[in-house]
Protein backbone atom coordinates (compact mmCIF):
# COMPACT_ATOMS: atom_id res chain seq x y z
CA UNK A 1 0.00 0.00 0.00
CA UNK A 2 2.83 2.41 0.84
CA UNK A 3 4.38 1.70 -2.60
CA UNK A 4 1.03 2.47 -4.27
CA UNK A 5 0.73 5.79 -2.40
CA UNK A 6 4.28 6.78 -3.43
CA UNK A 7 3.55 6.00 -7.07
CA UNK A 8 0.35 8.01 -6.85
CA UNK A 9 2.19 11.03 -5.43
CA UNK A 10 4.80 10.84 -8.19
CA UNK A 11 2.13 10.65 -10.89
CA UNK A 12 0.32 13.68 -9.44
CA UNK A 13 3.57 15.64 -9.30
CA UNK A 14 4.38 14.66 -12.89
CA UNK A 15 0.92 15.78 -14.01
CA UNK A 16 1.48 19.22 -12.47
CA UNK A 17 4.89 19.58 -14.11
CA UNK A 18 3.55 18.53 -17.53
CA UNK A 19 0.65 20.97 -17.17
CA UNK A 20 3.00 23.85 -16.44
CA UNK A 21 5.41 22.95 -19.22
CA UNK A 22 2.53 22.57 -21.66
CA UNK A 23 1.35 26.06 -20.75
CA UNK A 24 4.84 27.46 -21.25
CA UNK A 25 5.02 25.84 -24.67
CA UNK A 26 1.58 27.09 -25.67
CA UNK A 27 1.91 30.65 -24.42
CA UNK A 28 5.65 31.23 -24.99
CA UNK A 29 8.13 32.44 -22.43
CA UNK A 30 6.76 34.54 -19.59
CA UNK A 31 7.74 38.19 -19.52
CA UNK A 32 7.69 40.89 -16.88
CA UNK A 33 4.68 43.19 -17.02
CA UNK A 34 3.63 46.23 -14.98
CA UNK A 35 0.06 47.10 -14.02
CA UNK A 36 -1.08 50.54 -12.88
CA UNK A 37 -2.55 50.51 -9.38
CA UNK A 38 -5.14 53.32 -9.17
CA UNK A 39 -5.30 55.43 -6.03
CA UNK A 40 -7.98 54.81 -3.43
CA UNK A 41 -9.42 52.10 -1.21
CA UNK A 42 -12.81 51.63 -2.85
CA UNK A 43 -14.05 48.03 -3.28
CA UNK A 44 -13.20 46.69 -6.72
CA UNK A 45 -16.86 45.72 -7.14
CA UNK A 46 -20.03 45.04 -5.13
CA UNK A 47 -19.85 41.99 -2.88
CA UNK A 48 -22.77 39.64 -3.60
CA UNK A 49 -21.97 37.12 -0.84
CA UNK A 50 -24.28 36.93 2.17
CA UNK A 51 -23.15 36.77 5.78
CA UNK A 52 -22.87 33.28 7.31
CA UNK A 53 -25.67 32.01 9.51
CA UNK A 54 -25.93 29.36 12.17
CA UNK A 55 -28.81 27.82 14.10
CA UNK A 56 -26.88 28.21 17.35
CA UNK A 57 -24.73 31.30 16.79
CA UNK A 58 -25.91 34.61 15.27
CA UNK A 59 -22.38 35.62 14.26
CA UNK A 60 -20.40 32.43 13.50
CA UNK A 61 -16.67 32.92 12.98
CA UNK A 62 -16.69 31.56 9.45
CA UNK A 63 -16.82 32.72 5.85
CA UNK A 64 -19.48 32.54 3.12
CA UNK A 65 -17.83 32.30 -0.32
CA UNK A 66 -19.18 32.76 -3.85
CA UNK A 67 -16.99 32.27 -6.94
CA UNK A 68 -17.14 32.30 -10.70
CA UNK A 69 -15.47 33.55 -13.87
CA UNK A 70 -15.77 36.77 -15.83
CA UNK A 71 -14.46 37.91 -19.21
CA UNK A 72 -12.65 41.19 -19.75
CA UNK A 73 -13.42 43.37 -22.80
CA UNK A 74 -10.27 42.07 -24.50
CA UNK A 75 -11.47 38.47 -24.16
CA UNK A 76 -9.26 37.40 -21.25
CA UNK A 77 -11.00 35.42 -18.51
CA UNK A 78 -10.42 35.76 -14.79
CA UNK A 79 -11.76 34.18 -11.60
CA UNK A 80 -13.70 36.22 -9.07
CA UNK A 81 -14.45 35.55 -5.41
CA UNK A 82 -16.91 37.33 -3.10
CA UNK A 83 -16.79 36.49 0.63
CA UNK A 84 -18.29 37.75 3.87
CA UNK A 85 -17.73 36.57 7.42
CA UNK A 86 -17.49 37.39 11.10
CA UNK A 87 -14.42 37.55 13.30
CA UNK A 88 -15.18 37.38 17.00
CA UNK A 89 -12.94 40.24 18.10
CA UNK A 90 -13.16 44.03 18.36
CA UNK A 91 -12.76 46.04 15.17
CA UNK A 92 -9.43 47.58 16.23
CA UNK A 93 -7.94 44.14 16.88
CA UNK A 94 -9.17 42.82 13.53
CA UNK A 95 -7.66 45.83 11.77
CA UNK A 96 -4.31 45.11 13.38
CA UNK A 97 -4.50 41.55 12.06
CA UNK A 98 -5.44 42.73 8.57
CA UNK A 99 -2.33 44.94 8.55
CA UNK A 100 -0.04 42.03 9.42
CA UNK A 101 1.97 41.65 6.20
CA UNK A 102 2.91 38.02 6.86
CA UNK A 103 -0.74 37.13 7.45
CA UNK A 104 -1.60 38.69 4.07
CA UNK A 105 1.07 36.78 2.12
CA UNK A 106 0.10 33.74 0.04
CA UNK A 107 2.09 31.29 2.14
CA UNK A 108 0.43 28.28 0.48
CA UNK A 109 1.64 29.02 -3.08
CA UNK A 110 4.66 31.28 -2.59
CA UNK A 111 8.04 29.70 -1.86
CA UNK A 112 9.56 32.85 -0.37
CA UNK A 113 8.57 36.47 0.03
CA UNK A 114 10.05 39.75 1.22
CA UNK A 115 8.03 42.66 2.64
CA UNK A 116 9.10 46.27 2.09
CA UNK A 117 7.19 48.99 4.01
CA UNK A 118 6.07 51.98 1.97
CA UNK A 119 5.48 55.55 3.06
CA UNK A 120 2.34 57.00 1.52
CA UNK A 121 0.45 59.72 3.41
CA UNK A 122 -2.77 58.77 1.63
CA UNK A 123 -2.95 55.53 3.64
CA UNK A 124 -2.56 54.51 7.26
CA UNK A 125 -0.25 51.65 6.23
CA UNK A 126 1.11 50.29 2.95
CA UNK A 127 3.75 47.83 1.85
CA UNK A 128 5.05 45.85 -1.13
CA UNK A 129 5.53 42.07 -1.06
CA UNK A 130 8.11 40.56 -3.42
CA UNK A 131 7.04 36.95 -4.12
CA UNK A 132 8.96 34.03 -5.59
CA UNK A 133 7.29 30.76 -6.58
CA UNK A 134 9.77 27.99 -7.34
CA UNK A 135 8.17 25.14 -9.27
CA UNK A 136 8.69 23.74 -12.78
CA UNK A 137 8.97 27.40 -13.78
CA UNK A 138 10.05 30.19 -11.40
CA UNK A 139 7.43 32.93 -11.11
CA UNK A 140 8.37 36.28 -9.56
CA UNK A 141 5.89 39.07 -8.87
CA UNK A 142 5.26 42.06 -6.59
CA UNK A 143 1.99 42.88 -4.81
CA UNK A 144 1.23 46.25 -3.22
CA UNK A 145 -1.06 46.48 -0.19
CA UNK A 146 -2.82 49.58 1.18
CA UNK A 147 -4.86 50.07 4.35
CA UNK A 148 -6.86 53.05 5.54
CA UNK A 149 -10.05 54.37 7.07
CA UNK A 150 -13.37 54.47 5.24
CA UNK A 151 -15.16 56.00 8.23
CA UNK A 152 -14.11 57.22 11.68
CA UNK A 153 -10.65 58.01 13.01
CA UNK A 154 -7.61 55.93 13.96
CA UNK A 155 -8.61 56.37 17.61
CA UNK A 156 -12.27 55.49 16.90
CA UNK A 157 -12.44 53.49 13.63
CA UNK A 158 -15.85 52.65 12.21
CA UNK A 159 -15.19 51.14 8.79
CA UNK A 160 -11.74 50.00 7.61
CA UNK A 161 -10.68 49.34 4.04
CA UNK A 162 -7.82 47.63 2.19
CA UNK A 163 -6.76 47.18 -1.41
CA UNK A 164 -4.04 45.03 -2.96
CA UNK A 165 -2.85 44.41 -6.48
CA UNK A 166 -0.07 42.73 -8.41
CA UNK A 167 1.88 45.65 -9.89
CA UNK A 168 4.80 43.97 -11.64
CA UNK A 169 6.25 40.57 -12.47
CA UNK A 170 5.61 37.44 -14.49
CA UNK A 171 2.97 37.53 -17.22
CA UNK A 172 1.84 34.10 -15.98
CA UNK A 173 -0.21 36.27 -13.59
CA UNK A 174 -2.11 38.72 -15.78
CA UNK A 175 -4.51 39.97 -13.10
CA UNK A 176 -4.38 39.85 -9.32
CA UNK A 177 -6.31 42.39 -7.27
CA UNK A 178 -8.49 42.48 -4.19
CA UNK A 179 -10.32 44.65 -1.71
CA UNK A 180 -11.43 44.09 1.86
CA UNK A 181 -13.37 45.99 4.48
CA UNK A 182 -14.19 45.53 8.13
CA UNK A 183 -16.87 47.13 10.26
CA UNK A 184 -18.08 46.91 13.83
CA UNK A 185 -21.00 44.62 14.65
CA UNK A 186 -20.56 44.84 18.43
CA UNK A 187 -17.78 45.38 20.94
CA UNK A 188 -16.67 41.78 20.39
CA UNK A 189 -17.66 41.02 16.77
CA UNK A 190 -16.45 42.43 13.45
CA UNK A 191 -17.90 41.89 9.97
CA UNK A 192 -15.39 41.32 7.16
CA UNK A 193 -15.95 41.60 3.41
CA UNK A 194 -13.48 40.39 0.73
CA UNK A 195 -13.55 40.66 -3.07
CA UNK A 196 -10.78 39.08 -5.14
CA UNK A 197 -9.93 38.79 -8.85
CA UNK A 198 -7.33 36.38 -10.24
CA UNK A 199 -6.34 35.84 -13.84
CA UNK A 200 -3.34 33.49 -13.95
CA UNK A 201 -2.13 30.48 -15.89
CA UNK A 202 -3.80 27.22 -14.77
CA UNK A 203 -5.62 28.96 -11.89
CA UNK A 204 -9.35 28.33 -11.36
CA UNK A 205 -12.01 29.99 -9.18
CA UNK A 206 -11.29 27.28 -6.60
CA UNK A 207 -7.65 28.42 -6.41
CA UNK A 208 -8.77 32.03 -5.94
CA UNK A 209 -11.27 31.02 -3.25
CA UNK A 210 -8.58 29.05 -1.43
CA UNK A 211 -6.44 32.18 -1.13
CA UNK A 212 -9.42 34.14 0.26
CA UNK A 213 -10.14 31.43 2.82
CA UNK A 214 -6.45 31.33 3.79
CA UNK A 215 -6.42 35.12 4.16
CA UNK A 216 -9.45 35.07 6.44
CA UNK A 217 -8.02 32.14 8.43
CA UNK A 218 -4.73 33.97 8.91
CA UNK A 219 -6.50 37.08 10.22
CA UNK A 220 -8.50 34.91 12.64
CA UNK A 221 -5.29 33.24 13.86
CA UNK A 222 -3.57 36.59 14.51
CA UNK A 223 -6.62 37.97 16.31
CA UNK A 224 -6.68 34.99 18.66
CA UNK A 225 -2.88 34.93 19.22
CA UNK A 226 -2.50 31.62 17.40
CA UNK A 227 0.31 30.62 15.02
CA UNK A 228 -0.28 31.38 11.37
CA UNK A 229 -1.41 28.30 9.41
CA UNK A 230 1.29 26.40 7.50
CA UNK A 231 0.76 24.44 4.31
CA UNK A 232 3.92 22.38 3.77
C-alpha atoms as a PDB file:
ATOM      1  CA  UNK A   1       0.000   0.000   0.000  1.00  0.00           C
ATOM      2  CA  UNK A   2       2.833   2.408   0.842  1.00  0.00           C
ATOM      3  CA  UNK A   3       4.375   1.704  -2.596  1.00  0.00           C
ATOM      4  CA  UNK A   4       1.033   2.472  -4.274  1.00  0.00           C
ATOM      5  CA  UNK A   5       0.733   5.792  -2.402  1.00  0.00           C
ATOM      6  CA  UNK A   6       4.280   6.782  -3.426  1.00  0.00           C
ATOM      7  CA  UNK A   7       3.546   5.999  -7.073  1.00  0.00           C
ATOM      8  CA  UNK A   8       0.345   8.011  -6.854  1.00  0.00           C
ATOM      9  CA  UNK A   9       2.186  11.028  -5.426  1.00  0.00           C
ATOM     10  CA  UNK A  10       4.800  10.836  -8.191  1.00  0.00           C
ATOM     11  CA  UNK A  11       2.134  10.649 -10.891  1.00  0.00           C
ATOM     12  CA  UNK A  12       0.319  13.676  -9.444  1.00  0.00           C
ATOM     13  CA  UNK A  13       3.571  15.644  -9.302  1.00  0.00           C
ATOM     14  CA  UNK A  14       4.377  14.660 -12.889  1.00  0.00           C
ATOM     15  CA  UNK A  15       0.915  15.781 -14.011  1.00  0.00           C
ATOM     16  CA  UNK A  16       1.475  19.225 -12.467  1.00  0.00           C
ATOM     17  CA  UNK A  17       4.890  19.575 -14.110  1.00  0.00           C
ATOM     18  CA  UNK A  18       3.555  18.533 -17.526  1.00  0.00           C
ATOM     19  CA  UNK A  19       0.653  20.970 -17.169  1.00  0.00           C
ATOM     20  CA  UNK A  20       2.995  23.855 -16.436  1.00  0.00           C
ATOM     21  CA  UNK A  21       5.414  22.947 -19.220  1.00  0.00           C
ATOM     22  CA  UNK A  22       2.525  22.574 -21.660  1.00  0.00           C
ATOM     23  CA  UNK A  23       1.346  26.065 -20.752  1.00  0.00           C
ATOM     24  CA  UNK A  24       4.845  27.458 -21.247  1.00  0.00           C
ATOM     25  CA  UNK A  25       5.018  25.841 -24.672  1.00  0.00           C
ATOM     26  CA  UNK A  26       1.585  27.094 -25.673  1.00  0.00           C
ATOM     27  CA  UNK A  27       1.914  30.653 -24.424  1.00  0.00           C
ATOM     28  CA  UNK A  28       5.646  31.228 -24.990  1.00  0.00           C
ATOM     29  CA  UNK A  29       8.129  32.444 -22.431  1.00  0.00           C
ATOM     30  CA  UNK A  30       6.765  34.545 -19.593  1.00  0.00           C
ATOM     31  CA  UNK A  31       7.738  38.191 -19.517  1.00  0.00           C
ATOM     32  CA  UNK A  32       7.688  40.892 -16.876  1.00  0.00           C
ATOM     33  CA  UNK A  33       4.679  43.187 -17.017  1.00  0.00           C
ATOM     34  CA  UNK A  34       3.632  46.225 -14.983  1.00  0.00           C
ATOM     35  CA  UNK A  35       0.062  47.104 -14.024  1.00  0.00           C
ATOM     36  CA  UNK A  36      -1.076  50.536 -12.880  1.00  0.00           C
ATOM     37  CA  UNK A  37      -2.548  50.509  -9.382  1.00  0.00           C
ATOM     38  CA  UNK A  38      -5.142  53.319  -9.174  1.00  0.00           C
ATOM     39  CA  UNK A  39      -5.303  55.434  -6.031  1.00  0.00           C
ATOM     40  CA  UNK A  40      -7.978  54.815  -3.428  1.00  0.00           C
ATOM     41  CA  UNK A  41      -9.420  52.097  -1.208  1.00  0.00           C
ATOM     42  CA  UNK A  42     -12.810  51.633  -2.851  1.00  0.00           C
ATOM     43  CA  UNK A  43     -14.048  48.033  -3.281  1.00  0.00           C
ATOM     44  CA  UNK A  44     -13.197  46.686  -6.721  1.00  0.00           C
ATOM     45  CA  UNK A  45     -16.863  45.719  -7.143  1.00  0.00           C
ATOM     46  CA  UNK A  46     -20.025  45.041  -5.130  1.00  0.00           C
ATOM     47  CA  UNK A  47     -19.850  41.993  -2.884  1.00  0.00           C
ATOM     48  CA  UNK A  48     -22.772  39.635  -3.598  1.00  0.00           C
ATOM     49  CA  UNK A  49     -21.971  37.124  -0.838  1.00  0.00           C
ATOM     50  CA  UNK A  50     -24.278  36.933   2.174  1.00  0.00           C
ATOM     51  CA  UNK A  51     -23.150  36.775   5.776  1.00  0.00           C
ATOM     52  CA  UNK A  52     -22.869  33.285   7.309  1.00  0.00           C
ATOM     53  CA  UNK A  53     -25.671  32.009   9.511  1.00  0.00           C
ATOM     54  CA  UNK A  54     -25.929  29.357  12.174  1.00  0.00           C
ATOM     55  CA  UNK A  55     -28.810  27.825  14.104  1.00  0.00           C
ATOM     56  CA  UNK A  56     -26.875  28.207  17.350  1.00  0.00           C
ATOM     57  CA  UNK A  57     -24.726  31.301  16.787  1.00  0.00           C
ATOM     58  CA  UNK A  58     -25.911  34.613  15.272  1.00  0.00           C
ATOM     59  CA  UNK A  59     -22.384  35.618  14.262  1.00  0.00           C
ATOM     60  CA  UNK A  60     -20.403  32.429  13.500  1.00  0.00           C
ATOM     61  CA  UNK A  61     -16.669  32.924  12.977  1.00  0.00           C
ATOM     62  CA  UNK A  62     -16.686  31.560   9.447  1.00  0.00           C
ATOM     63  CA  UNK A  63     -16.824  32.720   5.846  1.00  0.00           C
ATOM     64  CA  UNK A  64     -19.477  32.536   3.122  1.00  0.00           C
ATOM     65  CA  UNK A  65     -17.835  32.296  -0.324  1.00  0.00           C
ATOM     66  CA  UNK A  66     -19.176  32.758  -3.847  1.00  0.00           C
ATOM     67  CA  UNK A  67     -16.994  32.271  -6.938  1.00  0.00           C
ATOM     68  CA  UNK A  68     -17.138  32.300 -10.696  1.00  0.00           C
ATOM     69  CA  UNK A  69     -15.475  33.551 -13.874  1.00  0.00           C
ATOM     70  CA  UNK A  70     -15.772  36.771 -15.833  1.00  0.00           C
ATOM     71  CA  UNK A  71     -14.460  37.908 -19.210  1.00  0.00           C
ATOM     72  CA  UNK A  72     -12.649  41.191 -19.748  1.00  0.00           C
ATOM     73  CA  UNK A  73     -13.421  43.370 -22.798  1.00  0.00           C
ATOM     74  CA  UNK A  74     -10.273  42.065 -24.504  1.00  0.00           C
ATOM     75  CA  UNK A  75     -11.474  38.471 -24.158  1.00  0.00           C
ATOM     76  CA  UNK A  76      -9.264  37.400 -21.245  1.00  0.00           C
ATOM     77  CA  UNK A  77     -11.003  35.418 -18.515  1.00  0.00           C
ATOM     78  CA  UNK A  78     -10.419  35.759 -14.788  1.00  0.00           C
ATOM     79  CA  UNK A  79     -11.759  34.181 -11.602  1.00  0.00           C
ATOM     80  CA  UNK A  80     -13.698  36.219  -9.068  1.00  0.00           C
ATOM     81  CA  UNK A  81     -14.453  35.552  -5.405  1.00  0.00           C
ATOM     82  CA  UNK A  82     -16.907  37.327  -3.096  1.00  0.00           C
ATOM     83  CA  UNK A  83     -16.785  36.492   0.627  1.00  0.00           C
ATOM     84  CA  UNK A  84     -18.290  37.746   3.875  1.00  0.00           C
ATOM     85  CA  UNK A  85     -17.730  36.570   7.418  1.00  0.00           C
ATOM     86  CA  UNK A  86     -17.493  37.387  11.098  1.00  0.00           C
ATOM     87  CA  UNK A  87     -14.422  37.555  13.302  1.00  0.00           C
ATOM     88  CA  UNK A  88     -15.175  37.377  17.003  1.00  0.00           C
ATOM     89  CA  UNK A  89     -12.944  40.236  18.101  1.00  0.00           C
ATOM     90  CA  UNK A  90     -13.160  44.035  18.363  1.00  0.00           C
ATOM     91  CA  UNK A  91     -12.755  46.039  15.166  1.00  0.00           C
ATOM     92  CA  UNK A  92      -9.434  47.580  16.226  1.00  0.00           C
ATOM     93  CA  UNK A  93      -7.942  44.145  16.878  1.00  0.00           C
ATOM     94  CA  UNK A  94      -9.168  42.824  13.526  1.00  0.00           C
ATOM     95  CA  UNK A  95      -7.661  45.830  11.765  1.00  0.00           C
ATOM     96  CA  UNK A  96      -4.313  45.110  13.380  1.00  0.00           C
ATOM     97  CA  UNK A  97      -4.497  41.547  12.059  1.00  0.00           C
ATOM     98  CA  UNK A  98      -5.435  42.732   8.569  1.00  0.00           C
ATOM     99  CA  UNK A  99      -2.326  44.944   8.551  1.00  0.00           C
ATOM    100  CA  UNK A 100      -0.038  42.034   9.419  1.00  0.00           C
ATOM    101  CA  UNK A 101       1.969  41.646   6.196  1.00  0.00           C
ATOM    102  CA  UNK A 102       2.910  38.018   6.857  1.00  0.00           C
ATOM    103  CA  UNK A 103      -0.743  37.128   7.448  1.00  0.00           C
ATOM    104  CA  UNK A 104      -1.595  38.690   4.067  1.00  0.00           C
ATOM    105  CA  UNK A 105       1.069  36.780   2.116  1.00  0.00           C
ATOM    106  CA  UNK A 106       0.103  33.745   0.044  1.00  0.00           C
ATOM    107  CA  UNK A 107       2.093  31.291   2.136  1.00  0.00           C
ATOM    108  CA  UNK A 108       0.434  28.282   0.478  1.00  0.00           C
ATOM    109  CA  UNK A 109       1.637  29.020  -3.076  1.00  0.00           C
ATOM    110  CA  UNK A 110       4.661  31.284  -2.589  1.00  0.00           C
ATOM    111  CA  UNK A 111       8.041  29.698  -1.858  1.00  0.00           C
ATOM    112  CA  UNK A 112       9.565  32.847  -0.370  1.00  0.00           C
ATOM    113  CA  UNK A 113       8.571  36.473   0.030  1.00  0.00           C
ATOM    114  CA  UNK A 114      10.051  39.754   1.215  1.00  0.00           C
ATOM    115  CA  UNK A 115       8.028  42.659   2.639  1.00  0.00           C
ATOM    116  CA  UNK A 116       9.097  46.273   2.087  1.00  0.00           C
ATOM    117  CA  UNK A 117       7.188  48.988   4.008  1.00  0.00           C
ATOM    118  CA  UNK A 118       6.070  51.984   1.974  1.00  0.00           C
ATOM    119  CA  UNK A 119       5.482  55.555   3.057  1.00  0.00           C
ATOM    120  CA  UNK A 120       2.337  57.004   1.517  1.00  0.00           C
ATOM    121  CA  UNK A 121       0.454  59.721   3.413  1.00  0.00           C
ATOM    122  CA  UNK A 122      -2.770  58.767   1.634  1.00  0.00           C
ATOM    123  CA  UNK A 123      -2.949  55.530   3.636  1.00  0.00           C
ATOM    124  CA  UNK A 124      -2.557  54.513   7.257  1.00  0.00           C
ATOM    125  CA  UNK A 125      -0.254  51.654   6.232  1.00  0.00           C
ATOM    126  CA  UNK A 126       1.112  50.295   2.951  1.00  0.00           C
ATOM    127  CA  UNK A 127       3.754  47.826   1.850  1.00  0.00           C
ATOM    128  CA  UNK A 128       5.047  45.851  -1.127  1.00  0.00           C
ATOM    129  CA  UNK A 129       5.526  42.070  -1.063  1.00  0.00           C
ATOM    130  CA  UNK A 130       8.108  40.561  -3.423  1.00  0.00           C
ATOM    131  CA  UNK A 131       7.040  36.954  -4.121  1.00  0.00           C
ATOM    132  CA  UNK A 132       8.961  34.030  -5.592  1.00  0.00           C
ATOM    133  CA  UNK A 133       7.286  30.764  -6.583  1.00  0.00           C
ATOM    134  CA  UNK A 134       9.767  27.993  -7.341  1.00  0.00           C
ATOM    135  CA  UNK A 135       8.170  25.140  -9.273  1.00  0.00           C
ATOM    136  CA  UNK A 136       8.689  23.735 -12.779  1.00  0.00           C
ATOM    137  CA  UNK A 137       8.966  27.401 -13.776  1.00  0.00           C
ATOM    138  CA  UNK A 138      10.048  30.191 -11.405  1.00  0.00           C
ATOM    139  CA  UNK A 139       7.432  32.929 -11.113  1.00  0.00           C
ATOM    140  CA  UNK A 140       8.366  36.281  -9.559  1.00  0.00           C
ATOM    141  CA  UNK A 141       5.889  39.073  -8.868  1.00  0.00           C
ATOM    142  CA  UNK A 142       5.261  42.063  -6.588  1.00  0.00           C
ATOM    143  CA  UNK A 143       1.994  42.882  -4.814  1.00  0.00           C
ATOM    144  CA  UNK A 144       1.233  46.251  -3.222  1.00  0.00           C
ATOM    145  CA  UNK A 145      -1.055  46.481  -0.189  1.00  0.00           C
ATOM    146  CA  UNK A 146      -2.823  49.578   1.177  1.00  0.00           C
ATOM    147  CA  UNK A 147      -4.862  50.074   4.348  1.00  0.00           C
ATOM    148  CA  UNK A 148      -6.860  53.052   5.538  1.00  0.00           C
ATOM    149  CA  UNK A 149     -10.052  54.366   7.066  1.00  0.00           C
ATOM    150  CA  UNK A 150     -13.368  54.471   5.235  1.00  0.00           C
ATOM    151  CA  UNK A 151     -15.163  56.001   8.232  1.00  0.00           C
ATOM    152  CA  UNK A 152     -14.114  57.219  11.681  1.00  0.00           C
ATOM    153  CA  UNK A 153     -10.646  58.006  13.012  1.00  0.00           C
ATOM    154  CA  UNK A 154      -7.611  55.931  13.955  1.00  0.00           C
ATOM    155  CA  UNK A 155      -8.613  56.372  17.614  1.00  0.00           C
ATOM    156  CA  UNK A 156     -12.266  55.495  16.897  1.00  0.00           C
ATOM    157  CA  UNK A 157     -12.437  53.488  13.631  1.00  0.00           C
ATOM    158  CA  UNK A 158     -15.847  52.650  12.214  1.00  0.00           C
ATOM    159  CA  UNK A 159     -15.192  51.140   8.785  1.00  0.00           C
ATOM    160  CA  UNK A 160     -11.741  50.000   7.606  1.00  0.00           C
ATOM    161  CA  UNK A 161     -10.682  49.340   4.038  1.00  0.00           C
ATOM    162  CA  UNK A 162      -7.818  47.634   2.192  1.00  0.00           C
ATOM    163  CA  UNK A 163      -6.764  47.181  -1.412  1.00  0.00           C
ATOM    164  CA  UNK A 164      -4.041  45.035  -2.956  1.00  0.00           C
ATOM    165  CA  UNK A 165      -2.849  44.406  -6.482  1.00  0.00           C
ATOM    166  CA  UNK A 166      -0.068  42.732  -8.407  1.00  0.00           C
ATOM    167  CA  UNK A 167       1.877  45.646  -9.889  1.00  0.00           C
ATOM    168  CA  UNK A 168       4.803  43.974 -11.641  1.00  0.00           C
ATOM    169  CA  UNK A 169       6.254  40.573 -12.465  1.00  0.00           C
ATOM    170  CA  UNK A 170       5.614  37.445 -14.487  1.00  0.00           C
ATOM    171  CA  UNK A 171       2.973  37.528 -17.218  1.00  0.00           C
ATOM    172  CA  UNK A 172       1.837  34.098 -15.982  1.00  0.00           C
ATOM    173  CA  UNK A 173      -0.215  36.269 -13.593  1.00  0.00           C
ATOM    174  CA  UNK A 174      -2.114  38.724 -15.780  1.00  0.00           C
ATOM    175  CA  UNK A 175      -4.511  39.969 -13.104  1.00  0.00           C
ATOM    176  CA  UNK A 176      -4.378  39.846  -9.318  1.00  0.00           C
ATOM    177  CA  UNK A 177      -6.312  42.393  -7.274  1.00  0.00           C
ATOM    178  CA  UNK A 178      -8.485  42.483  -4.195  1.00  0.00           C
ATOM    179  CA  UNK A 179     -10.323  44.653  -1.712  1.00  0.00           C
ATOM    180  CA  UNK A 180     -11.427  44.089   1.861  1.00  0.00           C
ATOM    181  CA  UNK A 181     -13.367  45.992   4.477  1.00  0.00           C
ATOM    182  CA  UNK A 182     -14.189  45.530   8.134  1.00  0.00           C
ATOM    183  CA  UNK A 183     -16.874  47.135  10.265  1.00  0.00           C
ATOM    184  CA  UNK A 184     -18.077  46.912  13.835  1.00  0.00           C
ATOM    185  CA  UNK A 185     -20.998  44.623  14.650  1.00  0.00           C
ATOM    186  CA  UNK A 186     -20.559  44.839  18.427  1.00  0.00           C
ATOM    187  CA  UNK A 187     -17.777  45.375  20.938  1.00  0.00           C
ATOM    188  CA  UNK A 188     -16.670  41.775  20.386  1.00  0.00           C
ATOM    189  CA  UNK A 189     -17.660  41.015  16.773  1.00  0.00           C
ATOM    190  CA  UNK A 190     -16.445  42.426  13.449  1.00  0.00           C
ATOM    191  CA  UNK A 191     -17.903  41.894   9.973  1.00  0.00           C
ATOM    192  CA  UNK A 192     -15.389  41.322   7.161  1.00  0.00           C
ATOM    193  CA  UNK A 193     -15.952  41.604   3.408  1.00  0.00           C
ATOM    194  CA  UNK A 194     -13.479  40.391   0.735  1.00  0.00           C
ATOM    195  CA  UNK A 195     -13.552  40.656  -3.074  1.00  0.00           C
ATOM    196  CA  UNK A 196     -10.777  39.080  -5.144  1.00  0.00           C
ATOM    197  CA  UNK A 197      -9.926  38.787  -8.853  1.00  0.00           C
ATOM    198  CA  UNK A 198      -7.329  36.383 -10.241  1.00  0.00           C
ATOM    199  CA  UNK A 199      -6.339  35.839 -13.840  1.00  0.00           C
ATOM    200  CA  UNK A 200      -3.343  33.487 -13.952  1.00  0.00           C
ATOM    201  CA  UNK A 201      -2.130  30.482 -15.894  1.00  0.00           C
ATOM    202  CA  UNK A 202      -3.802  27.216 -14.772  1.00  0.00           C
ATOM    203  CA  UNK A 203      -5.618  28.961 -11.887  1.00  0.00           C
ATOM    204  CA  UNK A 204      -9.347  28.333 -11.360  1.00  0.00           C
ATOM    205  CA  UNK A 205     -12.012  29.989  -9.184  1.00  0.00           C
ATOM    206  CA  UNK A 206     -11.290  27.276  -6.602  1.00  0.00           C
ATOM    207  CA  UNK A 207      -7.651  28.421  -6.414  1.00  0.00           C
ATOM    208  CA  UNK A 208      -8.772  32.026  -5.939  1.00  0.00           C
ATOM    209  CA  UNK A 209     -11.274  31.018  -3.250  1.00  0.00           C
ATOM    210  CA  UNK A 210      -8.583  29.048  -1.432  1.00  0.00           C
ATOM    211  CA  UNK A 211      -6.441  32.178  -1.126  1.00  0.00           C
ATOM    212  CA  UNK A 212      -9.416  34.143   0.257  1.00  0.00           C
ATOM    213  CA  UNK A 213     -10.140  31.425   2.820  1.00  0.00           C
ATOM    214  CA  UNK A 214      -6.449  31.334   3.788  1.00  0.00           C
ATOM    215  CA  UNK A 215      -6.423  35.121   4.156  1.00  0.00           C
ATOM    216  CA  UNK A 216      -9.452  35.074   6.443  1.00  0.00           C
ATOM    217  CA  UNK A 217      -8.023  32.141   8.429  1.00  0.00           C
ATOM    218  CA  UNK A 218      -4.732  33.973   8.912  1.00  0.00           C
ATOM    219  CA  UNK A 219      -6.498  37.080  10.221  1.00  0.00           C
ATOM    220  CA  UNK A 220      -8.497  34.915  12.639  1.00  0.00           C
ATOM    221  CA  UNK A 221      -5.291  33.244  13.856  1.00  0.00           C
ATOM    222  CA  UNK A 222      -3.570  36.585  14.507  1.00  0.00           C
ATOM    223  CA  UNK A 223      -6.618  37.965  16.307  1.00  0.00           C
ATOM    224  CA  UNK A 224      -6.675  34.986  18.661  1.00  0.00           C
ATOM    225  CA  UNK A 225      -2.883  34.931  19.220  1.00  0.00           C
ATOM    226  CA  UNK A 226      -2.503  31.624  17.401  1.00  0.00           C
ATOM    227  CA  UNK A 227       0.313  30.622  15.016  1.00  0.00           C
ATOM    228  CA  UNK A 228      -0.276  31.376  11.369  1.00  0.00           C
ATOM    229  CA  UNK A 229      -1.407  28.298   9.415  1.00  0.00           C
ATOM    230  CA  UNK A 230       1.288  26.404   7.502  1.00  0.00           C
ATOM    231  CA  UNK A 231       0.756  24.440   4.307  1.00  0.00           C
ATOM    232  CA  UNK A 232       3.917  22.380   3.767  1.00  0.00           C
END
